[in-house]
Amino acid sequence: MAHELAIGEKVDVKKANDVAFSFSGTVEKIYTNSALLTIDDFDSEDAVEVEDLKHKTVINFKNIKFKGEEVVAPKPEEEEKKK
């Protein structure tokens, strides 16, 4: 079961083909398949890249974990009202 992502949650991102480095961050904004994250905790060797990104980046949901769980976008309010 995947976790429904919410703004303000602390998440983890692991280095992958399309992610340059691992870090922990905070969800700032949620898009259809990705989220804007503030980069909070990272290795000191990645400091230059983090500074270049102004401590923010957009990451696909497939690369985000919340307490080890995969994440999904929240359901739109219209879908919630139909149930």
C-alpha atoms as a PDB file:
ATOM      1  CA  MET A   1       0.000   0.000   0.000  1.00  0.00           C
ATOM      2  CA  ALA A   2       1.419   3.365  -1.003  1.00  0.00           C
ATOM      3  CA  HIS A   3       1.325   6.412   1.242  1.00  0.00           C
ATOM      4  CA  GLU A   4      -0.759   9.402   0.098  1.00  0.00           C
ATOM      5  CA  LEU A   5       1.691  12.306   0.070  1.00  0.00           C
ATOM      6  CA  ALA A   6       0.853  15.600   1.823  1.00  0.00           C
ATOM      7  CA  ILE A   7       2.459  19.040   1.834  1.00  0.00           C
ATOM      8  CA  GLY A   8       4.842  19.498   4.763  1.00  0.00           C
ATOM      9  CA  GLU A   9       5.783  15.823   5.127  1.00  0.00           C
ATOM     10  CA  LYS A  10       9.423  14.810   5.534  1.00  0.00           C
ATOM     11  CA  VAL A  11      10.528  12.323   2.851  1.00  0.00           C
ATOM     12  CA  ASP A  12      13.653  10.496   1.676  1.00  0.00           C
ATOM     13  CA  VAL A  13      15.090  10.361  -1.841  1.00  0.00           C
ATOM     14  CA  LYS A  14      17.750   7.826  -2.854  1.00  0.00           C
ATOM     15  CA  LYS A  15      20.330   8.326  -5.591  1.00  0.00           C
ATOM     16  CA  ALA A  16      19.187   6.777  -8.905  1.00  0.00           C
ATOM     17  CA  ASN A  17      19.686   7.188 -12.654  1.00  0.00           C
ATOM     18  CA  ASP A  18      17.540  10.322 -12.695  1.00  0.00           C
ATOM     19  CA  VAL A  19      18.469  11.574  -9.193  1.00  0.00           C
ATOM     20  CA  ALA A  20      21.991  12.911  -8.733  1.00  0.00           C
ATOM     21  CA  PHE A  21      22.295  12.352  -4.949  1.00  0.00           C
ATOM     22  CA  SER A  22      20.438  11.035  -1.901  1.00  0.00           C
ATOM     23  CA  PHE A  23      18.791  13.457   0.521  1.00  0.00           C
ATOM     24  CA  SER A  24      15.945  14.041   2.962  1.00  0.00           C
ATOM     25  CA  GLY A  25      13.517  16.825   2.271  1.00  0.00           C
ATOM     26  CA  THR A  26      10.153  18.448   2.867  1.00  0.00           C
ATOM     27  CA  VAL A  27       7.233  18.390   0.415  1.00  0.00           C
ATOM     28  CA  GLU A  28       6.492  21.949  -0.763  1.00  0.00           C
ATOM     29  CA  LYS A  29       4.104  21.328  -3.670  1.00  0.00           C
ATOM     30  CA  ILE A  30       2.509  18.254  -5.249  1.00  0.00           C
ATOM     31  CA  TYR A  31       2.125  17.768  -8.996  1.00  0.00           C
ATOM     32  CA  THR A  32       0.518  14.935 -11.015  1.00  0.00           C
ATOM     33  CA  ASN A  33       3.536  12.579 -10.962  1.00  0.00           C
ATOM     34  CA  SER A  34       6.108  14.474  -8.922  1.00  0.00           C
ATOM     35  CA  ALA A  35       6.650  16.830  -6.001  1.00  0.00           C
ATOM     36  CA  LEU A  36       8.657  19.974  -5.325  1.00  0.00           C
ATOM     37  CA  LEU A  37      10.923  19.232  -2.370  1.00  0.00           C
ATOM     38  CA  THR A  38      13.062  21.444  -0.170  1.00  0.00           C
ATOM     39  CA  ILE A  39      16.427  19.709   0.324  1.00  0.00           C
ATOM     40  CA  ASP A  40      16.987  19.590   4.107  1.00  0.00           C
ATOM     41  CA  ASP A  41      19.590  16.907   4.875  1.00  0.00           C
ATOM     42  CA  PHE A  42      22.317  15.786   2.455  1.00  0.00           C
ATOM     43  CA  ASP A  43      25.956  14.651   2.317  1.00  0.00           C
ATOM     44  CA  SER A  44      28.478  17.471   2.563  1.00  0.00           C
ATOM     45  CA  GLU A  45      30.061  16.324  -0.725  1.00  0.00           C
ATOM     46  CA  ASP A  46      26.793  17.308  -2.480  1.00  0.00           C
ATOM     47  CA  ALA A  47      26.731  20.839  -0.982  1.00  0.00           C
ATOM     48  CA  VAL A  48      27.735  22.606  -4.219  1.00  0.00           C
ATOM     49  CA  GLU A  49      24.991  20.915  -6.226  1.00  0.00           C
ATOM     50  CA  VAL A  50      22.407  21.596  -3.507  1.00  0.00           C
ATOM     51  CA  GLU A  51      23.410  25.250  -3.481  1.00  0.00           C
ATOM     52  CA  ASP A  52      23.114  25.376  -7.297  1.00  0.00           C
ATOM     53  CA  LEU A  53      19.556  24.034  -6.935  1.00  0.00           C
ATOM     54  CA  LYS A  54      18.805  26.707  -4.278  1.00  0.00           C
ATOM     55  CA  HIS A  55      17.900  23.845  -1.893  1.00  0.00           C
ATOM     56  CA  LYS A  56      14.846  22.854  -3.986  1.00  0.00           C
ATOM     57  CA  THR A  57      14.164  20.263  -6.678  1.00  0.00           C
ATOM     58  CA  VAL A  58      11.304  18.426  -8.387  1.00  0.00           C
ATOM     59  CA  ILE A  59      11.395  14.625  -7.954  1.00  0.00           C
ATOM     60  CA  ASN A  60       9.212  11.911  -9.509  1.00  0.00           C
ATOM     61  CA  PHE A  61       7.072   9.937  -7.030  1.00  0.00           C
ATOM     62  CA  LYS A  62       8.905   6.712  -7.959  1.00  0.00           C
ATOM     63  CA  ASN A  63      12.045   8.121  -6.278  1.00  0.00           C
ATOM     64  CA  ILE A  64      10.347   9.398  -3.094  1.00  0.00           C
ATOM     65  CA  LYS A  65       9.851   7.326   0.068  1.00  0.00           C
ATOM     66  CA  PHE A  66       7.868   8.234   3.190  1.00  0.00           C
ATOM     67  CA  LYS A  67       9.071   6.126   6.130  1.00  0.00           C
ATOM     68  CA  GLY A  68      10.192   3.466   3.643  1.00  0.00           C
ATOM     69  CA  GLU A  69       6.857   3.385   1.774  1.00  0.00           C
ATOM     70  CA  GLU A  70       6.234   4.350  -1.836  1.00  0.00           C
ATOM     71  CA  VAL A  71       4.161   7.501  -2.291  1.00  0.00           C
ATOM     72  CA  VAL A  72       1.224   8.540  -4.485  1.00  0.00           C
ATOM     73  CA  ALA A  73      -0.508  11.854  -5.150  1.00  0.00           C
ATOM     74  CA  PRO A  74      -3.484  12.737  -2.972  1.00  0.00           C
ATOM     75  CA  LYS A  75      -6.863  12.039  -4.560  1.00  0.00           C
ATOM     76  CA  PRO A  76      -8.508  15.133  -6.041  1.00  0.00           C
ATOM     77  CA  GLU A  77     -11.341  16.533  -3.915  1.00  0.00           C
ATOM     78  CA  GLU A  78     -13.923  15.756  -6.640  1.00  0.00           C
ATOM     79  CA  GLU A  79     -13.098  12.031  -6.421  1.00  0.00           C
ATOM     80  CA  GLU A  80     -13.394  12.115  -2.622  1.00  0.00           C
ATOM     81  CA  LYS A  81     -16.871  13.704  -2.830  1.00  0.00           C
ATOM     82  CA  LYS A  82     -18.100  10.982  -5.233  1.00  0.00           C
ATOM     83  CA  LYS A  83     -17.420   8.225  -2.670  1.00  0.00           C
END
